[in-house]
Amino acid sequence: MPKVKTNSSAKKRFKLTGTGKIARKSAYKSHILTKKTTKQKRNLTKTSYVHDADMGNVKRMLAIGK
């Protein structure tokens, strides 16, 4: 049986933490920043974790076993 390839776009966007969670960056921080408040931009800088409902899809893209 062949090896499962990792999705190239997913390996650039997600990072596996030591506890097994998957970290991700917040959306809406790339452009059209003039109309967003400083507080909103500052809070979008922080990393967050992938939601449990999306964990299966992300793990499949990263070729991580269950």
PDB file of N, CA and C in Angstrom:
ATOM      1  N   MET A   1       0.848  -1.188   0.000  1.00  0.00           N
ATOM      2  CA  MET A   1       0.000   0.000   0.000  1.00  0.00           C
ATOM      3  C   MET A   1       0.891   1.247   0.000  1.00  0.00           C
ATOM      4  N   PRO A   2       0.590   2.224  -0.858  1.00  0.00           N
ATOM      5  CA  PRO A   2       1.450   3.413  -0.947  1.00  0.00           C
ATOM      6  C   PRO A   2       1.289   4.329   0.260  1.00  0.00           C
ATOM      7  N   LYS A   3       2.296   5.162   0.466  1.00  0.00           N
ATOM      8  CA  LYS A   3       2.246   6.133   1.552  1.00  0.00           C
ATOM      9  C   LYS A   3       1.225   7.215   1.220  1.00  0.00           C
ATOM     10  N   VAL A   4       0.636   7.810   2.247  1.00  0.00           N
ATOM     11  CA  VAL A   4      -0.329   8.886   2.068  1.00  0.00           C
ATOM     12  C   VAL A   4       0.431  10.195   1.986  1.00  0.00           C
ATOM     13  N   LYS A   5       0.196  10.964   0.949  1.00  0.00           N
ATOM     14  CA  LYS A   5       0.890  12.244   0.795  1.00  0.00           C
ATOM     15  C   LYS A   5       0.236  13.312   1.655  1.00  0.00           C
ATOM     16  N   THR A   6       1.072  14.171   2.228  1.00  0.00           N
ATOM     17  CA  THR A   6       0.588  15.317   2.994  1.00  0.00           C
ATOM     18  C   THR A   6       0.167  16.415   2.035  1.00  0.00           C
ATOM     19  N   ASN A   7      -0.953  17.059   2.337  1.00  0.00           N
ATOM     20  CA  ASN A   7      -1.410  18.187   1.531  1.00  0.00           C
ATOM     21  C   ASN A   7      -0.433  19.347   1.717  1.00  0.00           C
ATOM     22  N   SER A   8       0.138  19.830   0.619  1.00  0.00           N
ATOM     23  CA  SER A   8       1.185  20.847   0.690  1.00  0.00           C
ATOM     24  C   SER A   8       0.691  22.161   1.276  1.00  0.00           C
ATOM     25  N   SER A   9      -0.545  22.541   0.971  1.00  0.00           N
ATOM     26  CA  SER A   9      -1.064  23.798   1.518  1.00  0.00           C
ATOM     27  C   SER A   9      -1.354  23.659   3.007  1.00  0.00           C
ATOM     28  N   ALA A  10      -1.765  22.472   3.445  1.00  0.00           N
ATOM     29  CA  ALA A  10      -2.093  22.269   4.856  1.00  0.00           C
ATOM     30  C   ALA A  10      -0.848  22.276   5.725  1.00  0.00           C
ATOM     31  N   LYS A  11       0.254  21.725   5.239  1.00  0.00           N
ATOM     32  CA  LYS A  11       1.457  21.683   6.076  1.00  0.00           C
ATOM     33  C   LYS A  11       2.055  23.065   6.277  1.00  0.00           C
ATOM     34  N   LYS A  12       1.698  24.031   5.409  1.00  0.00           N
ATOM     35  CA  LYS A  12       2.152  25.405   5.594  1.00  0.00           C
ATOM     36  C   LYS A  12       1.246  26.177   6.554  1.00  0.00           C
ATOM     37  N   ARG A  13      -0.002  25.739   6.710  1.00  0.00           N
ATOM     38  CA  ARG A  13      -0.980  26.496   7.485  1.00  0.00           C
ATOM     39  C   ARG A  13      -1.181  25.990   8.902  1.00  0.00           C
ATOM     40  N   PHE A  14      -0.907  24.719   9.151  1.00  0.00           N
ATOM     41  CA  PHE A  14      -1.188  24.122  10.450  1.00  0.00           C
ATOM     42  C   PHE A  14       0.088  23.601  11.087  1.00  0.00           C
ATOM     43  N   LYS A  15       0.090  23.578  12.441  1.00  0.00           N
ATOM     44  CA  LYS A  15       1.238  23.087  13.186  1.00  0.00           C
ATOM     45  C   LYS A  15       0.734  22.215  14.326  1.00  0.00           C
ATOM     46  N   LEU A  16       1.340  21.070  14.499  1.00  0.00           N
ATOM     47  CA  LEU A  16       0.951  20.150  15.559  1.00  0.00           C
ATOM     48  C   LEU A  16       1.663  20.537  16.849  1.00  0.00           C
ATOM     49  N   THR A  17       0.905  20.692  17.941  1.00  0.00           N
ATOM     50  CA  THR A  17       1.495  21.059  19.221  1.00  0.00           C
ATOM     51  C   THR A  17       1.935  19.807  19.962  1.00  0.00           C
ATOM     52  N   GLY A  18       2.612  20.001  21.068  1.00  0.00           N
ATOM     53  CA  GLY A  18       3.103  18.870  21.843  1.00  0.00           C
ATOM     54  C   GLY A  18       2.002  18.058  22.483  1.00  0.00           C
ATOM     55  N   THR A  19       0.866  18.686  22.762  1.00  0.00           N
ATOM     56  CA  THR A  19      -0.252  17.985  23.392  1.00  0.00           C
ATOM     57  C   THR A  19      -1.178  17.321  22.381  1.00  0.00           C
ATOM     58  N   GLY A  20      -0.873  17.451  21.089  1.00  0.00           N
ATOM     59  CA  GLY A  20      -1.691  16.810  20.063  1.00  0.00           C
ATOM     60  C   GLY A  20      -2.727  17.700  19.428  1.00  0.00           C
ATOM     61  N   LYS A  21      -2.808  18.955  19.870  1.00  0.00           N
ATOM     62  CA  LYS A  21      -3.734  19.892  19.243  1.00  0.00           C
ATOM     63  C   LYS A  21      -3.102  20.428  17.958  1.00  0.00           C
ATOM     64  N   ILE A  22      -3.927  21.015  17.110  1.00  0.00           N
ATOM     65  CA  ILE A  22      -3.439  21.589  15.860  1.00  0.00           C
ATOM     66  C   ILE A  22      -3.645  23.094  15.914  1.00  0.00           C
ATOM     67  N   ALA A  23      -2.547  23.840  15.822  1.00  0.00           N
ATOM     68  CA  ALA A  23      -2.595  25.298  15.900  1.00  0.00           C
ATOM     69  C   ALA A  23      -2.813  25.872  14.512  1.00  0.00           C
ATOM     70  N   ARG A  24      -3.478  27.022  14.460  1.00  0.00           N
ATOM     71  CA  ARG A  24      -3.731  27.699  13.197  1.00  0.00           C
ATOM     72  C   ARG A  24      -3.693  29.198  13.432  1.00  0.00           C
ATOM     73  N   LYS A  25      -3.510  29.956  12.367  1.00  0.00           N
ATOM     74  CA  LYS A  25      -3.543  31.409  12.467  1.00  0.00           C
ATOM     75  C   LYS A  25      -4.955  31.892  12.177  1.00  0.00           C
ATOM     76  N   SER A  26      -5.279  33.073  12.690  1.00  0.00           N
ATOM     77  CA  SER A  26      -6.604  33.643  12.470  1.00  0.00           C
ATOM     78  C   SER A  26      -6.731  34.195  11.060  1.00  0.00           C
ATOM     79  N   ALA A  27      -7.940  34.145  10.532  1.00  0.00           N
ATOM     80  CA  ALA A  27      -8.219  34.699   9.217  1.00  0.00           C
ATOM     81  C   ALA A  27      -8.454  36.208   9.344  1.00  0.00           C
ATOM     82  N   TYR A  28      -8.630  36.877   8.215  1.00  0.00           N
ATOM     83  CA  TYR A  28      -8.966  38.310   8.124  1.00  0.00           C
ATOM     84  C   TYR A  28      -7.830  39.220   8.588  1.00  0.00           C
ATOM     85  N   LYS A  29      -6.583  38.807   8.435  1.00  0.00           N
ATOM     86  CA  LYS A  29      -5.455  39.642   8.858  1.00  0.00           C
ATOM     87  C   LYS A  29      -4.530  39.951   7.690  1.00  0.00           C
ATOM     88  N   SER A  30      -4.939  39.651   6.471  1.00  0.00           N
ATOM     89  CA  SER A  30      -4.014  39.795   5.348  1.00  0.00           C
ATOM     90  C   SER A  30      -4.166  41.107   4.588  1.00  0.00           C
ATOM     91  N   HIS A  31      -5.366  41.603   4.419  1.00  0.00           N
ATOM     92  CA  HIS A  31      -5.552  42.851   3.673  1.00  0.00           C
ATOM     93  C   HIS A  31      -6.823  43.544   4.139  1.00  0.00           C
ATOM     94  N   ILE A  32      -7.038  44.754   3.623  1.00  0.00           N
ATOM     95  CA  ILE A  32      -8.140  45.641   4.045  1.00  0.00           C
ATOM     96  C   ILE A  32      -8.068  45.859   5.558  1.00  0.00           C
ATOM     97  N   LEU A  33      -6.891  46.286   6.038  1.00  0.00           N
ATOM     98  CA  LEU A  33      -6.682  46.466   7.462  1.00  0.00           C
ATOM     99  C   LEU A  33      -7.020  47.880   7.930  1.00  0.00           C
ATOM    100  N   THR A  34      -7.253  48.804   6.992  1.00  0.00           N
ATOM    101  CA  THR A  34      -7.488  50.193   7.377  1.00  0.00           C
ATOM    102  C   THR A  34      -8.822  50.362   8.096  1.00  0.00           C
ATOM    103  N   LYS A  35      -9.812  49.598   7.727  1.00  0.00           N
ATOM    104  CA  LYS A  35     -11.122  49.753   8.363  1.00  0.00           C
ATOM    105  C   LYS A  35     -11.265  48.938   9.640  1.00  0.00           C
ATOM    106  N   LYS A  36     -10.286  48.104   9.955  1.00  0.00           N
ATOM    107  CA  LYS A  36     -10.336  47.321  11.181  1.00  0.00           C
ATOM    108  C   LYS A  36      -9.678  48.095  12.320  1.00  0.00           C
ATOM    109  N   THR A  37     -10.234  47.930  13.511  1.00  0.00           N
ATOM    110  CA  THR A  37      -9.689  48.648  14.663  1.00  0.00           C
ATOM    111  C   THR A  37      -8.364  48.022  15.092  1.00  0.00           C
ATOM    112  N   THR A  38      -7.583  48.783  15.847  1.00  0.00           N
ATOM    113  CA  THR A  38      -6.301  48.290  16.339  1.00  0.00           C
ATOM    114  C   THR A  38      -6.495  47.079  17.247  1.00  0.00           C
ATOM    115  N   LYS A  39      -7.537  47.106  18.057  1.00  0.00           N
ATOM    116  CA  LYS A  39      -7.827  45.989  18.948  1.00  0.00           C
ATOM    117  C   LYS A  39      -8.145  44.729  18.157  1.00  0.00           C
ATOM    118  N   GLN A  40      -8.927  44.872  17.089  1.00  0.00           N
ATOM    119  CA  GLN A  40      -9.295  43.725  16.271  1.00  0.00           C
ATOM    120  C   GLN A  40      -8.064  43.128  15.599  1.00  0.00           C
ATOM    121  N   LYS A  41      -7.195  43.991  15.055  1.00  0.00           N
ATOM    122  CA  LYS A  41      -5.977  43.511  14.402  1.00  0.00           C
ATOM    123  C   LYS A  41      -5.048  42.833  15.394  1.00  0.00           C
ATOM    124  N   ARG A  42      -4.959  43.372  16.589  1.00  0.00           N
ATOM    125  CA  ARG A  42      -4.099  42.780  17.618  1.00  0.00           C
ATOM    126  C   ARG A  42      -4.606  41.401  18.025  1.00  0.00           C
ATOM    127  N   ASN A  43      -5.915  41.258  18.167  1.00  0.00           N
ATOM    128  CA  ASN A  43      -6.476  39.965  18.550  1.00  0.00           C
ATOM    129  C   ASN A  43      -6.391  38.943  17.426  1.00  0.00           C
ATOM    130  N   LEU A  44      -6.376  39.383  16.177  1.00  0.00           N
ATOM    131  CA  LEU A  44      -6.246  38.456  15.058  1.00  0.00           C
ATOM    132  C   LEU A  44      -4.827  37.931  14.909  1.00  0.00           C
ATOM    133  N   THR A  45      -3.856  38.576  15.558  1.00  0.00           N
ATOM    134  CA  THR A  45      -2.476  38.129  15.473  1.00  0.00           C
ATOM    135  C   THR A  45      -2.273  36.812  16.218  1.00  0.00           C
ATOM    136  N   LYS A  46      -3.050  36.591  17.262  1.00  0.00           N
ATOM    137  CA  LYS A  46      -2.876  35.412  18.112  1.00  0.00           C
ATOM    138  C   LYS A  46      -3.263  34.133  17.369  1.00  0.00           C
ATOM    139  N   THR A  47      -2.536  33.068  17.686  1.00  0.00           N
ATOM    140  CA  THR A  47      -2.872  31.774  17.098  1.00  0.00           C
ATOM    141  C   THR A  47      -3.976  31.130  17.917  1.00  0.00           C
ATOM    142  N   SER A  48      -4.761  30.295  17.277  1.00  0.00           N
ATOM    143  CA  SER A  48      -5.812  29.568  17.965  1.00  0.00           C
ATOM    144  C   SER A  48      -5.724  28.111  17.523  1.00  0.00           C
ATOM    145  N   TYR A  49      -6.654  27.300  17.990  1.00  0.00           N
ATOM    146  CA  TYR A  49      -6.624  25.874  17.701  1.00  0.00           C
ATOM    147  C   TYR A  49      -7.768  25.493  16.773  1.00  0.00           C
ATOM    148  N   VAL A  50      -7.552  24.433  16.034  1.00  0.00           N
ATOM    149  CA  VAL A  50      -8.570  23.916  15.119  1.00  0.00           C
ATOM    150  C   VAL A  50      -9.714  23.349  15.955  1.00  0.00           C
ATOM    151  N   HIS A  51     -10.936  23.631  15.558  1.00  0.00           N
ATOM    152  CA  HIS A  51     -12.119  23.161  16.262  1.00  0.00           C
ATOM    153  C   HIS A  51     -12.254  21.651  16.109  1.00  0.00           C
ATOM    154  N   ASP A  52     -12.890  21.034  17.102  1.00  0.00           N
ATOM    155  CA  ASP A  52     -13.045  19.575  17.100  1.00  0.00           C
ATOM    156  C   ASP A  52     -13.793  19.073  15.870  1.00  0.00           C
ATOM    157  N   ALA A  53     -14.749  19.866  15.375  1.00  0.00           N
ATOM    158  CA  ALA A  53     -15.533  19.449  14.212  1.00  0.00           C
ATOM    159  C   ALA A  53     -14.669  19.385  12.953  1.00  0.00           C
ATOM    160  N   ASP A  54     -13.610  20.196  12.883  1.00  0.00           N
ATOM    161  CA  ASP A  54     -12.742  20.222  11.711  1.00  0.00           C
ATOM    162  C   ASP A  54     -11.488  19.374  11.877  1.00  0.00           C
ATOM    163  N   MET A  55     -11.293  18.794  13.042  1.00  0.00           N
ATOM    164  CA  MET A  55     -10.059  18.080  13.337  1.00  0.00           C
ATOM    165  C   MET A  55      -9.840  16.890  12.408  1.00  0.00           C
ATOM    166  N   GLY A  56     -10.887  16.173  12.080  1.00  0.00           N
ATOM    167  CA  GLY A  56     -10.747  15.007  11.209  1.00  0.00           C
ATOM    168  C   GLY A  56     -10.264  15.372   9.818  1.00  0.00           C
ATOM    169  N   ASN A  57     -10.826  16.437   9.258  1.00  0.00           N
ATOM    170  CA  ASN A  57     -10.427  16.871   7.921  1.00  0.00           C
ATOM    171  C   ASN A  57      -8.982  17.353   7.901  1.00  0.00           C
ATOM    172  N   VAL A  58      -8.572  18.097   8.932  1.00  0.00           N
ATOM    173  CA  VAL A  58      -7.219  18.622   8.986  1.00  0.00           C
ATOM    174  C   VAL A  58      -6.209  17.486   9.180  1.00  0.00           C
ATOM    175  N   LYS A  59      -6.546  16.532  10.043  1.00  0.00           N
ATOM    176  CA  LYS A  59      -5.656  15.391  10.256  1.00  0.00           C
ATOM    177  C   LYS A  59      -5.502  14.559   8.980  1.00  0.00           C
ATOM    178  N   ARG A  60      -6.569  14.457   8.217  1.00  0.00           N
ATOM    179  CA  ARG A  60      -6.496  13.716   6.947  1.00  0.00           C
ATOM    180  C   ARG A  60      -5.572  14.438   5.965  1.00  0.00           C
ATOM    181  N   MET A  61      -5.650  15.782   5.927  1.00  0.00           N
ATOM    182  CA  MET A  61      -4.786  16.556   5.036  1.00  0.00           C
ATOM    183  C   MET A  61      -3.322  16.477   5.452  1.00  0.00           C
ATOM    184  N   LEU A  62      -3.083  16.399   6.779  1.00  0.00           N
ATOM    185  CA  LEU A  62      -1.718  16.322   7.281  1.00  0.00           C
ATOM    186  C   LEU A  62      -1.201  14.885   7.366  1.00  0.00           C
ATOM    187  N   ALA A  63      -2.031  13.920   7.019  1.00  0.00           N
ATOM    188  CA  ALA A  63      -1.690  12.495   7.054  1.00  0.00           C
ATOM    189  C   ALA A  63      -1.259  12.079   8.453  1.00  0.00           C
ATOM    190  N   ILE A  64      -2.022  12.520   9.467  1.00  0.00           N
ATOM    191  CA  ILE A  64      -1.771  12.156  10.852  1.00  0.00           C
ATOM    192  C   ILE A  64      -2.731  11.034  11.230  1.00  0.00           C
ATOM    193  N   GLY A  65      -2.201   9.983  11.824  1.00  0.00           N
ATOM    194  CA  GLY A  65      -3.044   8.880  12.266  1.00  0.00           C
ATOM    195  C   GLY A  65      -3.875   9.269  13.458  1.00  0.00           C
ATOM    196  N   LYS A  66      -4.928   8.514  13.748  1.00  0.00           N
ATOM    197  CA  LYS A  66      -5.835   8.863  14.838  1.00  0.00           C
ATOM    198  C   LYS A  66      -5.326   8.405  16.167  1.00  0.00           C
TER     199      LYS A  66
END
